[in-house]
Amino acid sequence: MPVHIEIIDCTEDYDHISLAHYGQQNGDAMRDPEMIFALHKESQQFVPYYYRNDYMGMEQYSVRWTEEGVLLNRRLQAEHTTFANQWLRNIAAQQGIL
């Protein structure tokens, strides 16, 4: 399944990058899944903070940037990181990168 990468937002400190697989159901594009990563420009650290799977009806944010600061759900962010690491390894293996 092809991987779609899109820079969706750039701020002073972060680039926000969407990584997704898409399927199709009844003619509609379905994310299977989509994750959004924040790339900290200074440290070059990727932070996965959004997960969506349309087939499962699931949408999760583990980090939100607000006027008051950063809101973090540590447990969910750890789950997003674990999933992202495995998913990226799988993508690399499928693409013959590993």
N, C-alpha and C. Protein backbone atom coordinates (compact mmCIF):
# COMPACT_ATOMS: atom_id res chain seq x y z
N MET A 1 0.86 -1.18 0.00
CA MET A 1 0.00 0.00 0.00
C MET A 1 0.90 1.24 0.00
N PRO A 2 0.66 2.18 -0.90
CA PRO A 2 1.51 3.38 -0.95
C PRO A 2 1.43 4.20 0.34
N VAL A 3 2.52 4.88 0.63
CA VAL A 3 2.59 5.78 1.79
C VAL A 3 2.49 7.21 1.27
N HIS A 4 1.63 7.99 1.89
CA HIS A 4 1.44 9.39 1.51
C HIS A 4 2.03 10.26 2.61
N ILE A 5 2.90 11.20 2.23
CA ILE A 5 3.54 12.11 3.19
C ILE A 5 3.20 13.53 2.79
N GLU A 6 2.78 14.33 3.77
CA GLU A 6 2.41 15.71 3.50
C GLU A 6 2.82 16.59 4.67
N ILE A 7 3.49 17.69 4.38
CA ILE A 7 3.73 18.70 5.41
C ILE A 7 2.45 19.51 5.51
N ILE A 8 1.82 19.48 6.68
CA ILE A 8 0.50 20.10 6.80
C ILE A 8 0.53 21.43 7.54
N ASP A 9 1.61 21.72 8.27
CA ASP A 9 1.69 22.98 9.00
C ASP A 9 3.14 23.22 9.41
N CYS A 10 3.52 24.47 9.39
CA CYS A 10 4.86 24.86 9.84
C CYS A 10 4.70 26.02 10.81
N THR A 11 5.29 25.87 11.98
CA THR A 11 5.28 26.94 12.96
C THR A 11 6.73 27.34 13.20
N GLU A 12 6.93 28.26 14.11
CA GLU A 12 8.28 28.71 14.42
C GLU A 12 9.16 27.56 14.91
N ASP A 13 8.58 26.68 15.74
CA ASP A 13 9.36 25.61 16.37
C ASP A 13 9.17 24.24 15.73
N TYR A 14 8.03 24.00 15.04
CA TYR A 14 7.69 22.66 14.58
C TYR A 14 7.22 22.65 13.13
N ASP A 15 7.53 21.54 12.45
CA ASP A 15 6.86 21.17 11.21
C ASP A 15 5.94 20.02 11.56
N HIS A 16 4.72 20.05 11.06
CA HIS A 16 3.75 18.98 11.32
C HIS A 16 3.58 18.19 10.03
N ILE A 17 3.83 16.88 10.12
CA ILE A 17 3.91 16.03 8.95
C ILE A 17 2.91 14.88 9.08
N SER A 18 2.07 14.73 8.06
CA SER A 18 1.11 13.64 8.01
C SER A 18 1.71 12.48 7.23
N LEU A 19 1.55 11.28 7.77
CA LEU A 19 1.98 10.05 7.11
C LEU A 19 0.76 9.14 7.10
N ALA A 20 0.38 8.64 5.92
CA ALA A 20 -0.87 7.88 5.86
C ALA A 20 -0.82 6.80 4.78
N HIS A 21 -1.58 5.75 5.05
CA HIS A 21 -1.99 4.75 4.06
C HIS A 21 -3.46 5.05 3.81
N TYR A 22 -3.89 4.92 2.56
CA TYR A 22 -5.30 5.11 2.23
C TYR A 22 -5.85 3.87 1.57
N GLY A 23 -7.03 3.48 2.00
CA GLY A 23 -7.80 2.46 1.32
C GLY A 23 -9.04 3.13 0.75
N GLN A 24 -9.97 2.31 0.27
CA GLN A 24 -11.19 2.87 -0.28
C GLN A 24 -12.37 2.02 0.15
N GLN A 25 -13.46 2.70 0.52
CA GLN A 25 -14.68 2.02 0.90
C GLN A 25 -15.85 2.81 0.32
N ASN A 26 -16.67 2.15 -0.47
CA ASN A 26 -17.81 2.80 -1.12
C ASN A 26 -17.40 4.08 -1.86
N GLY A 27 -16.22 4.06 -2.48
CA GLY A 27 -15.74 5.20 -3.25
C GLY A 27 -15.10 6.31 -2.43
N ASP A 28 -15.06 6.14 -1.10
CA ASP A 28 -14.47 7.16 -0.23
C ASP A 28 -13.05 6.76 0.17
N ALA A 29 -12.15 7.75 0.22
CA ALA A 29 -10.80 7.51 0.73
C ALA A 29 -10.88 7.28 2.24
N MET A 30 -10.21 6.23 2.69
CA MET A 30 -10.23 5.87 4.11
C MET A 30 -8.78 5.81 4.62
N ARG A 31 -8.51 6.53 5.71
CA ARG A 31 -7.17 6.49 6.31
C ARG A 31 -7.00 5.18 7.05
N ASP A 32 -5.89 4.50 6.78
CA ASP A 32 -5.68 3.16 7.34
C ASP A 32 -4.21 2.92 7.66
N PRO A 33 -3.62 3.57 8.60
CA PRO A 33 -4.05 4.73 9.38
C PRO A 33 -3.40 6.00 8.84
N GLU A 34 -3.65 7.08 9.54
CA GLU A 34 -2.90 8.33 9.38
C GLU A 34 -2.30 8.66 10.73
N MET A 35 -1.05 9.10 10.72
CA MET A 35 -0.43 9.63 11.93
C MET A 35 0.14 10.99 11.58
N ILE A 36 0.10 11.89 12.54
CA ILE A 36 0.74 13.19 12.37
C ILE A 36 1.88 13.27 13.37
N PHE A 37 3.02 13.73 12.87
CA PHE A 37 4.23 13.88 13.66
C PHE A 37 4.60 15.35 13.72
N ALA A 38 5.06 15.79 14.87
CA ALA A 38 5.64 17.13 15.00
C ALA A 38 7.15 16.95 14.96
N LEU A 39 7.80 17.64 14.05
CA LEU A 39 9.26 17.62 13.97
C LEU A 39 9.76 18.90 14.61
N HIS A 40 10.43 18.76 15.75
CA HIS A 40 11.00 19.93 16.42
C HIS A 40 12.20 20.38 15.61
N LYS A 41 12.16 21.61 15.14
CA LYS A 41 13.18 22.10 14.21
C LYS A 41 14.57 22.16 14.82
N GLU A 42 14.66 22.51 16.08
CA GLU A 42 15.98 22.63 16.71
C GLU A 42 16.58 21.27 17.05
N SER A 43 15.81 20.42 17.72
CA SER A 43 16.35 19.12 18.16
C SER A 43 16.25 18.04 17.09
N GLN A 44 15.47 18.29 16.03
CA GLN A 44 15.22 17.30 14.97
C GLN A 44 14.57 16.04 15.53
N GLN A 45 13.79 16.18 16.60
CA GLN A 45 13.09 15.06 17.20
C GLN A 45 11.67 15.00 16.65
N PHE A 46 11.24 13.78 16.23
CA PHE A 46 9.87 13.56 15.78
C PHE A 46 9.01 13.14 16.97
N VAL A 47 7.83 13.73 17.09
CA VAL A 47 6.90 13.37 18.15
C VAL A 47 5.57 12.99 17.50
N PRO A 48 5.18 11.70 17.52
CA PRO A 48 3.87 11.33 17.00
C PRO A 48 2.79 11.77 17.99
N TYR A 49 1.76 12.45 17.47
CA TYR A 49 0.75 12.96 18.41
C TYR A 49 -0.69 12.79 17.93
N TYR A 50 -0.90 12.25 16.75
CA TYR A 50 -2.25 12.09 16.22
C TYR A 50 -2.32 10.75 15.52
N TYR A 51 -3.43 10.04 15.76
CA TYR A 51 -3.67 8.75 15.12
C TYR A 51 -5.12 8.73 14.65
N ARG A 52 -5.33 8.27 13.41
CA ARG A 52 -6.70 8.12 12.91
C ARG A 52 -6.75 6.89 12.03
N ASN A 53 -7.79 6.09 12.25
CA ASN A 53 -8.09 4.94 11.40
C ASN A 53 -9.58 4.99 11.10
N ASP A 54 -9.91 5.33 9.84
CA ASP A 54 -11.31 5.49 9.47
C ASP A 54 -12.09 4.19 9.51
N TYR A 55 -11.44 3.07 9.23
CA TYR A 55 -12.14 1.79 9.27
C TYR A 55 -12.58 1.44 10.68
N MET A 56 -11.81 1.88 11.67
CA MET A 56 -12.13 1.60 13.07
C MET A 56 -12.93 2.73 13.72
N GLY A 57 -13.09 3.85 13.01
CA GLY A 57 -13.79 5.00 13.58
C GLY A 57 -13.03 5.59 14.75
N MET A 58 -11.69 5.58 14.65
CA MET A 58 -10.85 6.01 15.77
C MET A 58 -10.06 7.26 15.40
N GLU A 59 -10.07 8.24 16.31
CA GLU A 59 -9.26 9.45 16.16
C GLU A 59 -8.75 9.83 17.54
N GLN A 60 -7.43 10.00 17.67
CA GLN A 60 -6.81 10.28 18.97
C GLN A 60 -5.75 11.36 18.83
N TYR A 61 -5.76 12.30 19.78
CA TYR A 61 -4.68 13.28 19.94
C TYR A 61 -4.01 13.00 21.27
N SER A 62 -2.69 12.85 21.26
CA SER A 62 -1.97 12.66 22.52
C SER A 62 -1.26 13.94 22.95
N VAL A 63 -1.13 14.90 22.04
CA VAL A 63 -0.54 16.20 22.35
C VAL A 63 -1.38 17.26 21.65
N ARG A 64 -1.65 18.34 22.36
CA ARG A 64 -2.35 19.49 21.76
C ARG A 64 -1.60 20.76 22.14
N TRP A 65 -1.42 21.61 21.15
CA TRP A 65 -0.80 22.91 21.38
C TRP A 65 -1.93 23.92 21.55
N THR A 66 -1.91 24.65 22.67
CA THR A 66 -2.96 25.63 22.97
C THR A 66 -2.31 26.97 23.31
N GLU A 67 -3.14 27.98 23.49
CA GLU A 67 -2.66 29.29 23.92
C GLU A 67 -1.99 29.20 25.30
N GLU A 68 -2.47 28.26 26.12
CA GLU A 68 -1.94 28.09 27.48
C GLU A 68 -0.66 27.26 27.51
N GLY A 69 -0.35 26.59 26.42
CA GLY A 69 0.84 25.75 26.38
C GLY A 69 0.54 24.40 25.75
N VAL A 70 1.36 23.43 26.04
CA VAL A 70 1.23 22.09 25.48
C VAL A 70 0.50 21.20 26.47
N LEU A 71 -0.55 20.53 25.99
CA LEU A 71 -1.29 19.56 26.80
C LEU A 71 -0.87 18.18 26.34
N LEU A 72 -0.41 17.35 27.27
CA LEU A 72 0.16 16.05 26.94
C LEU A 72 -0.57 14.95 27.69
N ASN A 73 -1.01 13.93 26.95
CA ASN A 73 -1.52 12.70 27.55
C ASN A 73 -0.37 11.69 27.45
N ARG A 74 0.39 11.54 28.52
CA ARG A 74 1.62 10.73 28.49
C ARG A 74 1.37 9.28 28.10
N ARG A 75 0.33 8.67 28.63
CA ARG A 75 0.04 7.26 28.32
C ARG A 75 -0.27 7.10 26.84
N LEU A 76 -1.15 7.95 26.31
CA LEU A 76 -1.52 7.85 24.91
C LEU A 76 -0.35 8.21 24.00
N GLN A 77 0.46 9.18 24.40
CA GLN A 77 1.62 9.55 23.58
C GLN A 77 2.62 8.40 23.53
N ALA A 78 2.78 7.67 24.63
CA ALA A 78 3.65 6.49 24.63
C ALA A 78 3.10 5.42 23.69
N GLU A 79 1.78 5.23 23.68
CA GLU A 79 1.16 4.27 22.75
C GLU A 79 1.38 4.70 21.31
N HIS A 80 1.22 6.00 21.03
CA HIS A 80 1.45 6.50 19.68
C HIS A 80 2.90 6.27 19.26
N THR A 81 3.84 6.50 20.16
CA THR A 81 5.25 6.31 19.85
C THR A 81 5.56 4.84 19.56
N THR A 82 5.03 3.94 20.38
CA THR A 82 5.24 2.50 20.17
C THR A 82 4.67 2.07 18.82
N PHE A 83 3.44 2.49 18.53
CA PHE A 83 2.82 2.14 17.25
C PHE A 83 3.61 2.72 16.09
N ALA A 84 3.98 4.00 16.18
CA ALA A 84 4.71 4.67 15.09
C ALA A 84 6.03 3.97 14.81
N ASN A 85 6.77 3.60 15.85
CA ASN A 85 8.05 2.91 15.65
C ASN A 85 7.87 1.60 14.89
N GLN A 86 6.86 0.81 15.27
CA GLN A 86 6.61 -0.46 14.58
C GLN A 86 6.12 -0.21 13.15
N TRP A 87 5.22 0.74 12.99
CA TRP A 87 4.68 1.04 11.66
C TRP A 87 5.78 1.51 10.72
N LEU A 88 6.66 2.39 11.20
CA LEU A 88 7.76 2.89 10.36
C LEU A 88 8.74 1.77 10.01
N ARG A 89 8.99 0.83 10.94
CA ARG A 89 9.84 -0.32 10.62
C ARG A 89 9.18 -1.17 9.53
N ASN A 90 7.87 -1.38 9.64
CA ASN A 90 7.15 -2.17 8.64
C ASN A 90 7.20 -1.49 7.27
N ILE A 91 6.99 -0.18 7.23
CA ILE A 91 7.05 0.56 5.97
C ILE A 91 8.44 0.45 5.36
N ALA A 92 9.48 0.61 6.18
CA ALA A 92 10.85 0.51 5.69
C ALA A 92 11.13 -0.88 5.12
N ALA A 93 10.66 -1.90 5.81
CA ALA A 93 10.86 -3.28 5.33
C ALA A 93 10.12 -3.51 4.02
N GLN A 94 8.90 -3.02 3.91
CA GLN A 94 8.12 -3.19 2.68
C GLN A 94 8.73 -2.42 1.51
N GLN A 95 9.38 -1.32 1.79
CA GLN A 95 10.00 -0.51 0.74
C GLN A 95 11.42 -0.98 0.41
N GLY A 96 11.89 -2.02 1.14
CA GLY A 96 13.23 -2.55 0.90
C GLY A 96 14.33 -1.68 1.46
N ILE A 97 13.98 -0.84 2.44
CA ILE A 97 14.98 0.07 3.04
C ILE A 97 15.78 -0.65 4.11
N LEU A 98 15.18 -1.60 4.80
CA LEU A 98 15.87 -2.35 5.86
C LEU A 98 16.55 -3.57 5.29
